[in-house]
Protein backbone atom coordinates (compact mmCIF):
# COMPACT_ATOMS: atom_id res chain seq x y z
CA UNK A 1 0.00 0.00 0.00
CA UNK A 2 2.74 2.48 0.94
CA UNK A 3 4.70 1.70 -2.21
CA UNK A 4 1.53 2.32 -4.20
CA UNK A 5 1.12 5.76 -2.61
CA UNK A 6 4.73 6.67 -3.36
CA UNK A 7 4.47 5.49 -6.96
CA UNK A 8 1.24 7.43 -7.48
CA UNK A 9 2.77 10.60 -6.04
CA UNK A 10 5.85 10.30 -8.26
CA UNK A 11 3.54 9.79 -11.25
CA UNK A 12 1.59 12.91 -10.30
CA UNK A 13 4.71 15.04 -9.80
CA UNK A 14 6.31 13.79 -13.04
CA UNK A 15 3.43 15.26 -15.01
CA UNK A 16 4.42 18.68 -13.66
CA UNK A 17 8.15 18.14 -14.22
CA UNK A 18 8.07 19.90 -17.57
CA UNK A 19 8.71 18.79 -21.09
CA UNK A 20 12.32 18.47 -22.08
CA UNK A 21 13.34 18.41 -25.70
CA UNK A 22 16.40 16.27 -25.06
CA UNK A 23 17.02 13.53 -22.46
CA UNK A 24 13.48 13.57 -21.11
CA UNK A 25 13.86 10.20 -19.36
CA UNK A 26 17.12 11.28 -17.74
CA UNK A 27 15.53 14.47 -16.37
CA UNK A 28 12.51 12.54 -15.08
CA UNK A 29 14.72 10.08 -13.20
CA UNK A 30 16.20 12.90 -11.13
CA UNK A 31 13.09 12.98 -8.94
CA UNK A 32 13.50 11.59 -5.43
CA UNK A 33 12.04 12.19 -1.99
CA UNK A 34 14.34 15.19 -1.41
CA UNK A 35 13.39 16.90 -4.67
CA UNK A 36 12.14 20.41 -3.89
CA UNK A 37 9.17 21.55 -5.97
CA UNK A 38 10.47 25.13 -6.07
CA UNK A 39 14.25 25.05 -6.17
CA UNK A 40 14.80 21.73 -7.95
CA UNK A 41 11.80 21.52 -10.27
CA UNK A 42 11.40 25.30 -10.74
CA UNK A 43 7.62 25.11 -10.58
CA UNK A 44 5.87 28.46 -10.42
CA UNK A 45 3.05 29.18 -8.00
CA UNK A 46 0.32 28.39 -10.56
CA UNK A 47 1.78 24.99 -11.36
CA UNK A 48 2.15 24.13 -7.68
CA UNK A 49 -1.41 25.23 -6.93
CA UNK A 50 -2.67 22.88 -9.67
CA UNK A 51 -0.45 20.05 -8.43
CA UNK A 52 -1.56 20.50 -4.82
CA UNK A 53 -5.26 20.72 -5.74
CA UNK A 54 -4.89 17.44 -7.58
CA UNK A 55 -2.86 15.94 -4.71
CA UNK A 56 -5.44 16.83 -2.05
CA UNK A 57 -8.31 15.58 -4.22
CA UNK A 58 -6.78 12.35 -5.55
CA UNK A 59 -5.17 11.22 -2.29
CA UNK A 60 -8.05 12.48 -0.11
CA UNK A 61 -5.65 14.42 2.10
CA UNK A 62 -7.10 16.97 4.51
CA UNK A 63 -5.58 20.39 3.69
CA UNK A 64 -5.41 21.42 7.33
CA UNK A 65 -3.22 24.54 7.61
CA UNK A 66 -1.74 24.28 4.11
CA UNK A 67 -1.11 27.72 2.64
CA UNK A 68 0.72 28.14 -0.66
CA UNK A 69 2.08 31.49 0.56
CA UNK A 70 4.24 29.60 3.07
CA UNK A 71 6.27 28.17 0.20
CA UNK A 72 5.64 30.87 -2.42
CA UNK A 73 5.39 34.21 -0.58
CA UNK A 74 4.55 37.39 -2.44
CA UNK A 75 7.72 38.99 -3.71
CA UNK A 76 8.48 42.69 -3.46
CA UNK A 77 8.27 44.65 -6.68
CA UNK A 78 9.84 47.89 -7.82
CA UNK A 79 9.85 49.69 -11.14
CA UNK A 80 13.47 50.56 -10.40
CA UNK A 81 15.56 47.87 -12.15
CA UNK A 82 18.54 48.63 -9.89
CA UNK A 83 16.69 48.08 -6.62
CA UNK A 84 17.49 44.67 -5.16
CA UNK A 85 15.41 43.00 -2.49
CA UNK A 86 16.83 40.47 -0.06
CA UNK A 87 15.77 36.88 -0.74
CA UNK A 88 12.79 35.68 1.23
CA UNK A 89 13.61 32.54 3.22
CA UNK A 90 11.09 29.77 2.64
CA UNK A 91 10.90 26.24 4.04
CA UNK A 92 11.63 23.22 1.89
CA UNK A 93 8.69 21.92 -0.15
CA UNK A 94 9.66 18.37 -1.09
CA UNK A 95 8.13 15.28 -2.62
CA UNK A 96 8.72 13.53 0.72
CA UNK A 97 6.30 16.00 2.33
CA UNK A 98 3.64 14.88 -0.15
CA UNK A 99 4.37 11.20 0.50
CA UNK A 100 4.26 11.52 4.29
CA UNK A 101 1.08 13.60 4.20
CA UNK A 102 -0.62 11.13 1.86
CA UNK A 103 0.25 8.28 4.24
CA UNK A 104 -1.17 10.25 7.18
CA UNK A 105 -4.26 11.46 5.29
CA UNK A 106 -3.66 15.07 6.32
CA UNK A 107 -1.17 17.86 5.60
CA UNK A 108 1.55 17.45 8.24
CA UNK A 109 3.42 20.72 7.73
CA UNK A 110 2.67 24.39 8.48
């Protein structure tokens, strides 16, 4: 059962892993439990919202305190191209978090 959950989550995440013109299989194999949806997969907030909606629905996981802004906070904006803003620290957002939450049936992280 657990293996089935993990396989289904990897299948779900792979669909959001982008389309690569060359070496698609090689890029897809890079996914593992420590893969970060933001820094490793470079998913934007819209893609992650779609992925998480599908995750919560398909795996019947209670959203609990899940808030996309925790992992994708609003970024500061300036019309001045020379103005630099400090990076906003965000927690990891990994495939393992999806796997563990699916096993528990609820979102385990704040």
